[in-house]
Amino acid sequence: MGIEAELNRADAAESEAFSPPRWLANPHLQSIVPSLPMLRPAVLRRCRALLEASRPRTLDCGEGVRLLGQHASRESMGLPAARRIVLLLHGWEGSADAMYVLALGQQLLERGFDVLRLNLRDHGDSHALNPELFHSCRIQEVVGAVSRIQQLHPDQGLNLVGFSLGGNFFLRVGARAGEAGLELERIVAVCPVLDPEHTLRRLETGLALYRSYFVLKWRRSLRRKQQAWPDRYDFSEILRLDTLTEMTEHLVCRYGGFPTLQAYLQGYAITGGALAQLAARTRIIASDDDPIIPAEDLSRLARAAALTITRTRYGGHCGYYSGGEESWLAREIIETLGPA
């Protein structure tokens, strides 16, 4: 049996690891229900300790770029200092206050980790921090943010957990860790964007709810950016567009310096040899029924020795929801990270 067959068999052996109730097995329910606004009050109550311990941190990422994070340390709570810190990174048009980020952060804090919830540029309340627009090829500033955390916390083991686009960013950080002088312990990426061209196609041709959701949130974000930098931006033209493809092409070609949409999308793909240099122990958790990220693209990743891929039959996009407070995904992430 060849090595590729062995790897595929290993993935398949884990495909039943997550088994939701039958009524929640639908991939769209898995993707949508955990983020319903009606669930937020209960999440905020459960995460009160994390929220009360969190302090804003503006990180100098180099070259004048600043990113905003929320740092919760056990020492500030009167508890023994943590030996390890976990950086959490949300998905596109999410934030450090996304429910899935808060819920995991609370559990990590309870288990003895310090937690820093990072915002990508122009996410959360950070639109006024940097004049240039966010795009997904801005990997160097995220590398810079991780490097700054390492400088500020040299005695703590550094771990990265990212969701969707955040998972894509942290996998790229891991692949650049050696040249950046980063010492990373563990990386976990949940349903990371693999081939952005395929993801964009899924969003445009799949369930219209996803496209409408991201168009709405992106328009809101662009309005906030224009309000923060009124002399620099006039988005009246792009705000009239109603597809993600048109909006992306307009922005990255006009403001991002990319010659074509395809050049931009290829710029943050992690297929091919992009992950070949991963050295830190890394785990990707992805579902075969993800309606946004095609699971078949997992076979196109470079199989670095440090990389483990867990493919589940169910889970949707960053869902893994069983209907209660117990989280299969959080247990898997905490188990991967190991003892605090």
C-alpha atoms as a PDB file:
ATOM      1  CA  MET A   1       0.000   0.000   0.000  1.00  0.00           C
ATOM      2  CA  GLY A   2       1.433   3.421  -0.986  1.00  0.00           C
ATOM      3  CA  ILE A   3       1.950   6.284   1.430  1.00  0.00           C
ATOM      4  CA  GLU A   4      -0.998   8.297   0.037  1.00  0.00           C
ATOM      5  CA  ALA A   5      -3.319   5.324   0.554  1.00  0.00           C
ATOM      6  CA  GLU A   6      -2.038   4.910   4.117  1.00  0.00           C
ATOM      7  CA  LEU A   7      -2.743   8.573   4.833  1.00  0.00           C
ATOM      8  CA  ASN A   8      -6.206   8.397   3.340  1.00  0.00           C
ATOM      9  CA  ARG A   9      -6.963   5.288   5.391  1.00  0.00           C
ATOM     10  CA  ALA A  10      -5.812   7.095   8.565  1.00  0.00           C
ATOM     11  CA  ASP A  11      -8.158   9.975   7.800  1.00  0.00           C
ATOM     12  CA  ALA A  12     -11.050   7.640   7.097  1.00  0.00           C
ATOM     13  CA  ALA A  13     -10.499   5.820  10.392  1.00  0.00           C
ATOM     14  CA  GLU A  14     -11.355   9.043  12.238  1.00  0.00           C
ATOM     15  CA  SER A  15     -14.388   9.905  10.124  1.00  0.00           C
ATOM     16  CA  GLU A  16     -16.887   8.790  12.807  1.00  0.00           C
ATOM     17  CA  ALA A  17     -15.196  10.642  15.684  1.00  0.00           C
ATOM     18  CA  PHE A  18     -17.963  13.271  15.856  1.00  0.00           C
ATOM     19  CA  SER A  19     -21.546  12.001  15.833  1.00  0.00           C
ATOM     20  CA  PRO A  20     -24.265  14.626  16.372  1.00  0.00           C
ATOM     21  CA  PRO A  21     -27.887  13.875  17.199  1.00  0.00           C
ATOM     22  CA  ARG A  22     -29.783  12.884  14.085  1.00  0.00           C
ATOM     23  CA  TRP A  23     -31.775  16.123  14.034  1.00  0.00           C
ATOM     24  CA  LEU A  24     -28.519  18.113  13.958  1.00  0.00           C
ATOM     25  CA  ALA A  25     -26.683  16.043  11.365  1.00  0.00           C
ATOM     26  CA  ASN A  26     -27.552  18.374   8.496  1.00  0.00           C
ATOM     27  CA  PRO A  27     -24.396  20.334   7.512  1.00  0.00           C
ATOM     28  CA  HIS A  28     -26.258  23.645   7.248  1.00  0.00           C
ATOM     29  CA  LEU A  29     -27.694  23.263  10.736  1.00  0.00           C
ATOM     30  CA  GLN A  30     -24.215  22.423  12.005  1.00  0.00           C
ATOM     31  CA  SER A  31     -22.799  25.548  10.364  1.00  0.00           C
ATOM     32  CA  ILE A  32     -25.555  27.977  11.320  1.00  0.00           C
ATOM     33  CA  VAL A  33     -27.120  26.966  14.641  1.00  0.00           C
ATOM     34  CA  PRO A  34     -24.030  27.495  16.879  1.00  0.00           C
ATOM     35  CA  SER A  35     -23.831  31.142  15.741  1.00  0.00           C
ATOM     36  CA  LEU A  36     -27.499  32.058  16.165  1.00  0.00           C
ATOM     37  CA  PRO A  37     -27.820  35.365  18.078  1.00  0.00           C
ATOM     38  CA  MET A  38     -30.337  33.842  20.510  1.00  0.00           C
ATOM     39  CA  LEU A  39     -27.526  31.684  21.937  1.00  0.00           C
ATOM     40  CA  ARG A  40     -25.218  34.608  22.676  1.00  0.00           C
ATOM     41  CA  PRO A  41     -26.582  35.602  26.132  1.00  0.00           C
ATOM     42  CA  ALA A  42     -25.974  32.075  27.450  1.00  0.00           C
ATOM     43  CA  VAL A  43     -22.459  32.029  25.974  1.00  0.00           C
ATOM     44  CA  LEU A  44     -21.653  35.389  27.569  1.00  0.00           C
ATOM     45  CA  ARG A  45     -22.829  34.119  30.955  1.00  0.00           C
ATOM     46  CA  ARG A  46     -20.644  31.027  30.698  1.00  0.00           C
ATOM     47  CA  CYS A  47     -17.665  33.143  29.607  1.00  0.00           C
ATOM     48  CA  ARG A  48     -17.940  35.791  32.315  1.00  0.00           C
ATOM     49  CA  ALA A  49     -14.576  34.907  33.859  1.00  0.00           C
ATOM     50  CA  LEU A  50     -12.797  35.188  30.511  1.00  0.00           C
ATOM     51  CA  LEU A  51     -14.454  38.502  29.687  1.00  0.00           C
ATOM     52  CA  GLU A  52     -13.719  39.996  33.097  1.00  0.00           C
ATOM     53  CA  ALA A  53     -10.080  38.914  32.904  1.00  0.00           C
ATOM     54  CA  SER A  54      -9.547  40.154  29.333  1.00  0.00           C
ATOM     55  CA  ARG A  55      -7.613  43.353  28.683  1.00  0.00           C
ATOM     56  CA  PRO A  56      -7.163  45.001  25.266  1.00  0.00           C
ATOM     57  CA  ARG A  57      -3.691  44.625  23.757  1.00  0.00           C
ATOM     58  CA  THR A  58      -2.562  46.607  20.721  1.00  0.00           C
ATOM     59  CA  LEU A  59       0.284  44.649  19.171  1.00  0.00           C
ATOM     60  CA  ASP A  60       3.107  46.240  17.191  1.00  0.00           C
ATOM     61  CA  CYS A  61       3.437  43.901  14.212  1.00  0.00           C
ATOM     62  CA  GLY A  62       6.257  45.779  12.479  1.00  0.00           C
ATOM     63  CA  GLU A  63       6.252  48.254   9.577  1.00  0.00           C
ATOM     64  CA  GLY A  64       3.771  50.462  11.409  1.00  0.00           C
ATOM     65  CA  VAL A  65       1.018  47.816  11.484  1.00  0.00           C
ATOM     66  CA  ARG A  66      -0.976  47.258  14.659  1.00  0.00           C
ATOM     67  CA  LEU A  67      -3.426  44.493  15.458  1.00  0.00           C
ATOM     68  CA  LEU A  68      -5.860  44.415  18.352  1.00  0.00           C
ATOM     69  CA  GLY A  69      -6.185  41.527  20.772  1.00  0.00           C
ATOM     70  CA  GLN A  70      -7.863  40.671  24.073  1.00  0.00           C
ATOM     71  CA  HIS A  71      -5.512  39.107  26.624  1.00  0.00           C
ATOM     72  CA  ALA A  72      -6.723  37.113  29.652  1.00  0.00           C
ATOM     73  CA  SER A  73      -4.042  35.978  32.072  1.00  0.00           C
ATOM     74  CA  ARG A  74      -4.541  33.708  35.045  1.00  0.00           C
ATOM     75  CA  GLU A  75      -2.024  35.734  37.035  1.00  0.00           C
ATOM     76  CA  SER A  76      -4.243  38.839  36.758  1.00  0.00           C
ATOM     77  CA  MET A  77      -7.032  36.737  38.306  1.00  0.00           C
ATOM     78  CA  GLY A  78      -4.909  35.991  41.362  1.00  0.00           C
ATOM     79  CA  LEU A  79      -4.130  32.469  40.135  1.00  0.00           C
ATOM     80  CA  PRO A  80      -0.747  30.839  39.565  1.00  0.00           C
ATOM     81  CA  ALA A  81       0.958  32.106  36.421  1.00  0.00           C
ATOM     82  CA  ALA A  82       0.282  30.000  33.332  1.00  0.00           C
ATOM     83  CA  ARG A  83       3.133  28.121  31.699  1.00  0.00           C
ATOM     84  CA  ARG A  84       1.474  28.243  28.278  1.00  0.00           C
ATOM     85  CA  ILE A  85      -0.503  30.752  26.219  1.00  0.00           C
ATOM     86  CA  VAL A  86      -2.977  30.075  23.407  1.00  0.00           C
ATOM     87  CA  LEU A  87      -3.659  32.577  20.620  1.00  0.00           C
ATOM     88  CA  LEU A  88      -7.154  32.256  19.141  1.00  0.00           C
ATOM     89  CA  LEU A  89      -8.012  33.596  15.686  1.00  0.00           C
ATOM     90  CA  HIS A  90     -11.530  33.943  14.262  1.00  0.00           C
ATOM     91  CA  GLY A  91     -12.786  33.445  10.716  1.00  0.00           C
ATOM     92  CA  TRP A  92     -13.452  36.037   8.010  1.00  0.00           C
ATOM     93  CA  GLU A  93     -15.769  38.833   9.215  1.00  0.00           C
ATOM     94  CA  GLY A  94     -15.729  37.309  12.688  1.00  0.00           C
ATOM     95  CA  SER A  95     -13.905  38.805  15.647  1.00  0.00           C
ATOM     96  CA  ALA A  96     -12.237  38.062  18.952  1.00  0.00           C
ATOM     97  CA  ASP A  97     -15.738  38.220  20.465  1.00  0.00           C
ATOM     98  CA  ALA A  98     -17.249  35.548  18.215  1.00  0.00           C
ATOM     99  CA  MET A  99     -19.141  32.987  20.284  1.00  0.00           C
ATOM    100  CA  TYR A 100     -16.951  30.060  19.232  1.00  0.00           C
ATOM    101  CA  VAL A 101     -13.824  32.032  20.185  1.00  0.00           C
ATOM    102  CA  LEU A 102     -15.227  33.043  23.572  1.00  0.00           C
ATOM    103  CA  ALA A 103     -16.468  29.545  24.407  1.00  0.00           C
ATOM    104  CA  LEU A 104     -13.121  27.923  23.650  1.00  0.00           C
ATOM    105  CA  GLY A 105     -11.211  30.721  25.387  1.00  0.00           C
ATOM    106  CA  GLN A 106     -13.208  30.211  28.587  1.00  0.00           C
ATOM    107  CA  GLN A 107     -12.469  26.492  28.633  1.00  0.00           C
ATOM    108  CA  LEU A 108      -8.779  27.060  27.979  1.00  0.00           C
ATOM    109  CA  LEU A 109      -8.599  29.608  30.815  1.00  0.00           C
ATOM    110  CA  GLU A 110     -10.307  27.167  33.174  1.00  0.00           C
ATOM    111  CA  ARG A 111      -7.728  24.505  32.294  1.00  0.00           C
ATOM    112  CA  GLY A 112      -4.744  26.662  33.142  1.00  0.00           C
ATOM    113  CA  PHE A 113      -3.835  28.454  29.905  1.00  0.00           C
ATOM    114  CA  ASP A 114      -3.500  32.165  29.318  1.00  0.00           C
ATOM    115  CA  VAL A 115      -5.590  33.229  26.314  1.00  0.00           C
ATOM    116  CA  LEU A 116      -5.104  35.955  23.741  1.00  0.00           C
ATOM    117  CA  ARG A 117      -7.976  36.467  21.317  1.00  0.00           C
ATOM    118  CA  LEU A 118      -6.557  38.192  18.239  1.00  0.00           C
ATOM    119  CA  ASN A 119      -8.442  40.290  15.684  1.00  0.00           C
ATOM    120  CA  LEU A 120      -7.367  40.349  12.065  1.00  0.00           C
ATOM    121  CA  ARG A 121      -6.989  43.819  10.547  1.00  0.00           C
ATOM    122  CA  ASP A 122     -10.373  45.559  10.102  1.00  0.00           C
ATOM    123  CA  HIS A 123     -12.151  42.984  12.267  1.00  0.00           C
ATOM    124  CA  GLY A 124     -13.725  43.645  15.631  1.00  0.00           C
ATOM    125  CA  ASP A 125     -13.191  47.279  16.652  1.00  0.00           C
ATOM    126  CA  SER A 126      -9.921  47.733  14.764  1.00  0.00           C
ATOM    127  CA  HIS A 127     -10.914  49.578  11.571  1.00  0.00           C
ATOM    128  CA  ALA A 128      -9.196  52.790  12.681  1.00  0.00           C
ATOM    129  CA  LEU A 129      -5.869  51.161  13.605  1.00  0.00           C
ATOM    130  CA  ASN A 130      -4.402  50.855  10.097  1.00  0.00           C
ATOM    131  CA  PRO A 131      -5.179  52.927   6.986  1.00  0.00           C
ATOM    132  CA  GLU A 132      -4.795  50.115   4.449  1.00  0.00           C
ATOM    133  CA  LEU A 133      -7.611  47.636   3.902  1.00  0.00           C
ATOM    134  CA  PHE A 134      -7.583  44.055   5.125  1.00  0.00           C
ATOM    135  CA  HIS A 135      -7.012  41.286   2.629  1.00  0.00           C
ATOM    136  CA  SER A 136      -6.145  37.648   3.175  1.00  0.00           C
ATOM    137  CA  CYS A 137      -2.612  37.845   1.788  1.00  0.00           C
ATOM    138  CA  ARG A 138      -1.487  40.079   4.670  1.00  0.00           C
ATOM    139  CA  ILE A 139       0.272  37.167   6.337  1.00  0.00           C
ATOM    140  CA  GLN A 140       3.353  39.080   7.445  1.00  0.00           C
ATOM    141  CA  GLU A 141       1.450  41.191   9.960  1.00  0.00           C
ATOM    142  CA  VAL A 142      -0.021  38.083  11.588  1.00  0.00           C
ATOM    143  CA  VAL A 143       3.474  36.576  11.748  1.00  0.00           C
ATOM    144  CA  GLY A 144       4.504  39.884  13.336  1.00  0.00           C
ATOM    145  CA  ALA A 145       1.705  39.697  15.909  1.00  0.00           C
ATOM    146  CA  VAL A 146       2.692  36.164  16.921  1.00  0.00           C
ATOM    147  CA  SER A 147       6.341  37.228  17.099  1.00  0.00           C
ATOM    148  CA  ARG A 148       5.413  40.152  19.341  1.00  0.00           C
ATOM    149  CA  ILE A 149       3.523  37.854  21.712  1.00  0.00           C
ATOM    150  CA  GLN A 150       6.586  35.617  21.873  1.00  0.00           C
ATOM    151  CA  GLN A 151       8.727  38.643  22.758  1.00  0.00           C
ATOM    152  CA  LEU A 152       6.288  39.787  25.456  1.00  0.00           C
ATOM    153  CA  HIS A 153       5.867  36.299  26.958  1.00  0.00           C
ATOM    154  CA  PRO A 154       9.219  34.547  26.457  1.00  0.00           C
ATOM    155  CA  ASP A 155       8.679  32.118  29.334  1.00  0.00           C
ATOM    156  CA  GLN A 156       5.348  30.785  28.076  1.00  0.00           C
ATOM    157  CA  GLY A 157       4.878  28.037  25.535  1.00  0.00           C
ATOM    158  CA  LEU A 158       3.167  29.508  22.469  1.00  0.00           C
ATOM    159  CA  ASN A 159       0.192  27.755  20.818  1.00  0.00           C
ATOM    160  CA  LEU A 160      -2.109  28.763  17.934  1.00  0.00           C
ATOM    161  CA  VAL A 161      -5.743  27.822  17.311  1.00  0.00           C
ATOM    162  CA  GLY A 162      -7.563  29.258  14.300  1.00  0.00           C
ATOM    163  CA  PHE A 163     -10.976  28.827  12.702  1.00  0.00           C
ATOM    164  CA  SER A 164     -11.744  28.945   8.964  1.00  0.00           C
ATOM    165  CA  LEU A 165      -9.726  31.878   7.541  1.00  0.00           C
ATOM    166  CA  GLY A 166      -8.031  32.191  10.939  1.00  0.00           C
ATOM    167  CA  GLY A 167      -6.961  28.572  10.608  1.00  0.00           C
ATOM    168  CA  ASN A 168      -5.550  29.342   7.166  1.00  0.00           C
ATOM    169  CA  PHE A 169      -3.571  32.267   8.601  1.00  0.00           C
ATOM    170  CA  PHE A 170      -2.152  30.253  11.502  1.00  0.00           C
ATOM    171  CA  LEU A 171      -1.131  27.374   9.221  1.00  0.00           C
ATOM    172  CA  ARG A 172       0.765  29.872   7.091  1.00  0.00           C
ATOM    173  CA  VAL A 173       2.351  31.311  10.237  1.00  0.00           C
ATOM    174  CA  GLY A 174       3.454  27.799  11.158  1.00  0.00           C
ATOM    175  CA  ALA A 175       5.006  27.280   7.742  1.00  0.00           C
ATOM    176  CA  ARG A 176       6.981  30.522   8.189  1.00  0.00           C
ATOM    177  CA  ALA A 177       7.935  29.944  11.827  1.00  0.00           C
ATOM    178  CA  GLY A 178      11.506  28.868  11.121  1.00  0.00           C
ATOM    179  CA  GLU A 179      12.457  31.892   9.057  1.00  0.00           C
ATOM    180  CA  ALA A 180      10.611  34.207  11.477  1.00  0.00           C
ATOM    181  CA  GLY A 181      12.371  32.813  14.555  1.00  0.00           C
ATOM    182  CA  LEU A 182       9.105  31.623  16.109  1.00  0.00           C
ATOM    183  CA  GLU A 183       9.087  28.759  18.592  1.00  0.00           C
ATOM    184  CA  LEU A 184       5.624  27.218  18.467  1.00  0.00           C
ATOM    185  CA  GLU A 185       4.376  24.279  20.505  1.00  0.00           C
ATOM    186  CA  ARG A 186       1.081  23.305  18.851  1.00  0.00           C
ATOM    187  CA  ILE A 187      -1.155  24.550  16.027  1.00  0.00           C
ATOM    188  CA  VAL A 188      -4.799  23.567  15.548  1.00  0.00           C
ATOM    189  CA  ALA A 189      -6.752  24.702  12.480  1.00  0.00           C
ATOM    190  CA  VAL A 190     -10.506  24.064  12.374  1.00  0.00           C
ATOM    191  CA  CYS A 191     -12.052  23.901   8.883  1.00  0.00           C
ATOM    192  CA  PRO A 192      -9.295  26.111   7.420  1.00  0.00           C
ATOM    193  CA  VAL A 193      -9.638  27.731   4.014  1.00  0.00           C
ATOM    194  CA  LEU A 194      -7.565  25.501   1.717  1.00  0.00           C
ATOM    195  CA  ASP A 195      -8.031  26.693  -1.869  1.00  0.00           C
ATOM    196  CA  PRO A 196      -9.711  30.136  -1.796  1.00  0.00           C
ATOM    197  CA  GLU A 197     -10.870  29.841  -5.403  1.00  0.00           C
ATOM    198  CA  HIS A 198     -12.869  26.732  -4.507  1.00  0.00           C
ATOM    199  CA  THR A 199     -14.244  28.346  -1.356  1.00  0.00           C
ATOM    200  CA  LEU A 200     -15.379  31.436  -3.255  1.00  0.00           C
ATOM    201  CA  ARG A 201     -17.104  29.220  -5.811  1.00  0.00           C
ATOM    202  CA  ARG A 202     -18.901  27.333  -3.023  1.00  0.00           C
ATOM    203  CA  LEU A 203     -20.087  30.593  -1.469  1.00  0.00           C
ATOM    204  CA  GLU A 204     -21.394  31.896  -4.793  1.00  0.00           C
ATOM    205  CA  THR A 205     -23.135  28.712  -5.931  1.00  0.00           C
ATOM    206  CA  GLY A 206     -24.181  27.075  -2.653  1.00  0.00           C
ATOM    207  CA  LEU A 207     -26.905  27.965  -0.181  1.00  0.00           C
ATOM    208  CA  ALA A 208     -27.719  31.639  -0.798  1.00  0.00           C
ATOM    209  CA  LEU A 209     -27.878  32.294   2.944  1.00  0.00           C
ATOM    210  CA  TYR A 210     -24.074  32.094   3.267  1.00  0.00           C
ATOM    211  CA  ARG A 211     -23.475  34.540   0.421  1.00  0.00           C
ATOM    212  CA  SER A 212     -26.050  36.984   1.787  1.00  0.00           C
ATOM    213  CA  TYR A 213     -24.579  36.713   5.279  1.00  0.00           C
ATOM    214  CA  PHE A 214     -21.032  37.535   4.176  1.00  0.00           C
ATOM    215  CA  VAL A 215     -22.107  40.286   1.773  1.00  0.00           C
ATOM    216  CA  LEU A 216     -24.068  41.934   4.593  1.00  0.00           C
ATOM    217  CA  LYS A 217     -21.212  41.700   7.095  1.00  0.00           C
ATOM    218  CA  TRP A 218     -18.626  42.843   4.562  1.00  0.00           C
ATOM    219  CA  ARG A 219     -20.675  45.899   3.595  1.00  0.00           C
ATOM    220  CA  ARG A 220     -21.001  46.775   7.271  1.00  0.00           C
ATOM    221  CA  SER A 221     -17.233  46.447   7.710  1.00  0.00           C
ATOM    222  CA  LEU A 222     -16.492  48.607   4.667  1.00  0.00           C
ATOM    223  CA  ARG A 223     -18.802  51.330   5.970  1.00  0.00           C
ATOM    224  CA  ARG A 224     -16.908  51.308   9.269  1.00  0.00           C
ATOM    225  CA  LYS A 225     -13.599  51.533   7.396  1.00  0.00           C
ATOM    226  CA  GLN A 226     -14.845  54.467   5.319  1.00  0.00           C
ATOM    227  CA  GLN A 227     -16.110  56.202   8.447  1.00  0.00           C
ATOM    228  CA  ALA A 228     -12.693  55.759  10.108  1.00  0.00           C
ATOM    229  CA  TRP A 229     -10.789  57.005   7.020  1.00  0.00           C
ATOM    230  CA  PRO A 230     -13.226  59.318   5.155  1.00  0.00           C
ATOM    231  CA  ASP A 231     -10.498  61.128   3.214  1.00  0.00           C
ATOM    232  CA  ARG A 232      -9.078  57.848   1.940  1.00  0.00           C
ATOM    233  CA  TYR A 233     -12.064  55.718   0.953  1.00  0.00           C
ATOM    234  CA  ASP A 234     -15.299  56.088  -0.961  1.00  0.00           C
ATOM    235  CA  PHE A 235     -16.941  52.679  -1.204  1.00  0.00           C
ATOM    236  CA  SER A 236     -20.181  53.878  -2.792  1.00  0.00           C
ATOM    237  CA  GLU A 237     -19.454  51.892  -5.961  1.00  0.00           C
ATOM    238  CA  ILE A 238     -18.546  48.603  -4.289  1.00  0.00           C
ATOM    239  CA  LEU A 239     -21.462  48.801  -1.864  1.00  0.00           C
ATOM    240  CA  ARG A 240     -23.780  48.506  -4.852  1.00  0.00           C
ATOM    241  CA  LEU A 241     -22.256  45.155  -5.871  1.00  0.00           C
ATOM    242  CA  ASP A 242     -24.091  42.051  -4.667  1.00  0.00           C
ATOM    243  CA  THR A 243     -21.725  39.124  -5.266  1.00  0.00           C
ATOM    244  CA  LEU A 244     -18.631  38.209  -3.288  1.00  0.00           C
ATOM    245  CA  THR A 245     -16.681  37.643  -6.496  1.00  0.00           C
ATOM    246  CA  GLU A 246     -17.363  41.155  -7.795  1.00  0.00           C
ATOM    247  CA  MET A 247     -16.661  42.742  -4.438  1.00  0.00           C
ATOM    248  CA  THR A 248     -13.413  40.825  -3.946  1.00  0.00           C
ATOM    249  CA  GLU A 249     -12.129  41.578  -7.438  1.00  0.00           C
ATOM    250  CA  HIS A 250     -12.966  45.270  -7.120  1.00  0.00           C
ATOM    251  CA  LEU A 251     -11.231  45.665  -3.766  1.00  0.00           C
ATOM    252  CA  VAL A 252      -8.077  43.612  -4.292  1.00  0.00           C
ATOM    253  CA  CYS A 253      -7.385  45.003  -7.754  1.00  0.00           C
ATOM    254  CA  ARG A 254      -8.174  48.622  -6.855  1.00  0.00           C
ATOM    255  CA  TYR A 255      -6.762  48.788  -3.333  1.00  0.00           C
ATOM    256  CA  GLY A 256      -4.692  45.641  -2.811  1.00  0.00           C
ATOM    257  CA  GLY A 257      -2.288  45.935  -5.716  1.00  0.00           C
ATOM    258  CA  PHE A 258      -3.178  42.576  -7.271  1.00  0.00           C
ATOM    259  CA  PRO A 259      -3.289  42.341 -11.084  1.00  0.00           C
ATOM    260  CA  THR A 260      -6.133  39.825 -11.122  1.00  0.00           C
ATOM    261  CA  LEU A 261      -8.582  38.142  -8.794  1.00  0.00           C
ATOM    262  CA  GLN A 262      -6.925  34.778  -9.487  1.00  0.00           C
ATOM    263  CA  ALA A 263      -3.509  36.109  -8.446  1.00  0.00           C
ATOM    264  CA  TYR A 264      -4.999  37.230  -5.151  1.00  0.00           C
ATOM    265  CA  LEU A 265      -6.787  33.953  -4.442  1.00  0.00           C
ATOM    266  CA  GLN A 266      -3.669  31.939  -5.224  1.00  0.00           C
ATOM    267  CA  GLY A 267      -1.737  34.181  -2.852  1.00  0.00           C
ATOM    268  CA  TYR A 268      -3.262  32.668   0.270  1.00  0.00           C
ATOM    269  CA  ALA A 269      -3.947  29.117  -0.867  1.00  0.00           C
ATOM    270  CA  ILE A 270      -2.293  26.497   1.342  1.00  0.00           C
ATOM    271  CA  THR A 271      -2.529  23.656  -1.154  1.00  0.00           C
ATOM    272  CA  GLY A 272       0.535  22.399  -3.007  1.00  0.00           C
ATOM    273  CA  GLY A 273       3.780  22.887  -1.119  1.00  0.00           C
ATOM    274  CA  ALA A 274       2.653  25.797   1.082  1.00  0.00           C
ATOM    275  CA  LEU A 275       2.764  23.772   4.312  1.00  0.00           C
ATOM    276  CA  ALA A 276       5.874  21.739   3.564  1.00  0.00           C
ATOM    277  CA  GLN A 277       7.938  23.627   6.157  1.00  0.00           C
ATOM    278  CA  LEU A 278       5.591  23.027   9.099  1.00  0.00           C
ATOM    279  CA  ALA A 279       7.687  21.991  12.097  1.00  0.00           C
ATOM    280  CA  ALA A 280       5.419  22.538  15.116  1.00  0.00           C
ATOM    281  CA  ARG A 281       2.976  19.725  15.835  1.00  0.00           C
ATOM    282  CA  THR A 282      -0.090  20.684  13.827  1.00  0.00           C
ATOM    283  CA  ARG A 283      -3.603  19.284  13.568  1.00  0.00           C
ATOM    284  CA  ILE A 284      -6.257  20.142  11.018  1.00  0.00           C
ATOM    285  CA  ILE A 285      -9.849  19.245  11.942  1.00  0.00           C
ATOM    286  CA  ALA A 286     -12.202  19.303   8.963  1.00  0.00           C
ATOM    287  CA  SER A 287     -15.545  17.792   8.012  1.00  0.00           C
ATOM    288  CA  ASP A 288     -16.484  16.009   4.823  1.00  0.00           C
ATOM    289  CA  ASP A 289     -19.847  17.789   4.773  1.00  0.00           C
ATOM    290  CA  ASP A 290     -18.454  21.335   5.116  1.00  0.00           C
ATOM    291  CA  PRO A 291     -20.659  23.443   2.807  1.00  0.00           C
ATOM    292  CA  ILE A 292     -17.969  26.133   2.390  1.00  0.00           C
ATOM    293  CA  ILE A 293     -14.588  24.329   2.345  1.00  0.00           C
ATOM    294  CA  PRO A 294     -14.374  21.353  -0.069  1.00  0.00           C
ATOM    295  CA  ALA A 295     -12.912  18.472   1.945  1.00  0.00           C
ATOM    296  CA  GLU A 296     -11.374  16.926  -1.173  1.00  0.00           C
ATOM    297  CA  ASP A 297      -8.815  19.746  -1.193  1.00  0.00           C
ATOM    298  CA  LEU A 298      -7.239  18.189   1.929  1.00  0.00           C
ATOM    299  CA  SER A 299      -5.569  15.648  -0.350  1.00  0.00           C
ATOM    300  CA  ARG A 300      -3.714  18.512  -2.049  1.00  0.00           C
ATOM    301  CA  LEU A 301      -1.850  19.607   1.098  1.00  0.00           C
ATOM    302  CA  ALA A 302       1.851  18.954   1.532  1.00  0.00           C
ATOM    303  CA  ARG A 303       2.130  16.149   4.087  1.00  0.00           C
ATOM    304  CA  ALA A 304       4.688  17.547   6.490  1.00  0.00           C
ATOM    305  CA  ALA A 305       5.746  15.066   9.161  1.00  0.00           C
ATOM    306  CA  ALA A 306       4.346  17.388  11.852  1.00  0.00           C
ATOM    307  CA  LEU A 307       0.871  17.538  10.290  1.00  0.00           C
ATOM    308  CA  THR A 308      -2.088  15.388  11.336  1.00  0.00           C
ATOM    309  CA  ILE A 309      -5.448  15.660   9.591  1.00  0.00           C
ATOM    310  CA  THR A 310      -8.699  14.623  11.239  1.00  0.00           C
ATOM    311  CA  ARG A 311     -11.617  14.281   8.826  1.00  0.00           C
ATOM    312  CA  THR A 312     -15.058  13.804  10.265  1.00  0.00           C
ATOM    313  CA  ARG A 313     -18.178  12.723   8.432  1.00  0.00           C
ATOM    314  CA  TYR A 314     -20.298  15.412  10.103  1.00  0.00           C
ATOM    315  CA  GLY A 315     -19.622  18.849  11.507  1.00  0.00           C
ATOM    316  CA  GLY A 316     -20.458  21.385   8.822  1.00  0.00           C
ATOM    317  CA  HIS A 317     -18.306  24.504   8.762  1.00  0.00           C
ATOM    318  CA  CYS A 318     -16.746  25.051  12.212  1.00  0.00           C
ATOM    319  CA  GLY A 319     -19.891  23.579  13.754  1.00  0.00           C
ATOM    320  CA  TYR A 320     -19.404  20.301  15.617  1.00  0.00           C
ATOM    321  CA  TYR A 321     -22.519  21.105  17.602  1.00  0.00           C
ATOM    322  CA  SER A 322     -24.330  18.503  19.701  1.00  0.00           C
ATOM    323  CA  GLY A 323     -27.068  20.732  21.089  1.00  0.00           C
ATOM    324  CA  GLY A 324     -25.704  21.310  24.602  1.00  0.00           C
ATOM    325  CA  GLU A 325     -22.857  23.018  26.418  1.00  0.00           C
ATOM    326  CA  GLU A 326     -20.488  20.075  26.009  1.00  0.00           C
ATOM    327  CA  SER A 327     -18.315  20.589  22.943  1.00  0.00           C
ATOM    328  CA  TRP A 328     -16.670  17.738  21.041  1.00  0.00           C
ATOM    329  CA  LEU A 329     -14.504  20.272  19.227  1.00  0.00           C
ATOM    330  CA  ALA A 330     -13.266  21.969  22.399  1.00  0.00           C
ATOM    331  CA  ARG A 331     -12.368  18.578  23.899  1.00  0.00           C
ATOM    332  CA  GLU A 332     -10.420  17.654  20.780  1.00  0.00           C
ATOM    333  CA  ILE A 333      -8.538  20.966  20.715  1.00  0.00           C
ATOM    334  CA  ILE A 334      -7.676  20.801  24.421  1.00  0.00           C
ATOM    335  CA  GLU A 335      -6.530  17.207  24.058  1.00  0.00           C
ATOM    336  CA  THR A 336      -4.314  18.215  21.135  1.00  0.00           C
ATOM    337  CA  LEU A 337      -2.768  21.071  23.079  1.00  0.00           C
ATOM    338  CA  GLY A 338      -2.016  18.828  26.049  1.00  0.00           C
ATOM    339  CA  PRO A 339      -1.735  19.791  29.744  1.00  0.00           C
ATOM    340  CA  ALA A 340      -1.408  23.464  30.618  1.00  0.00           C
END
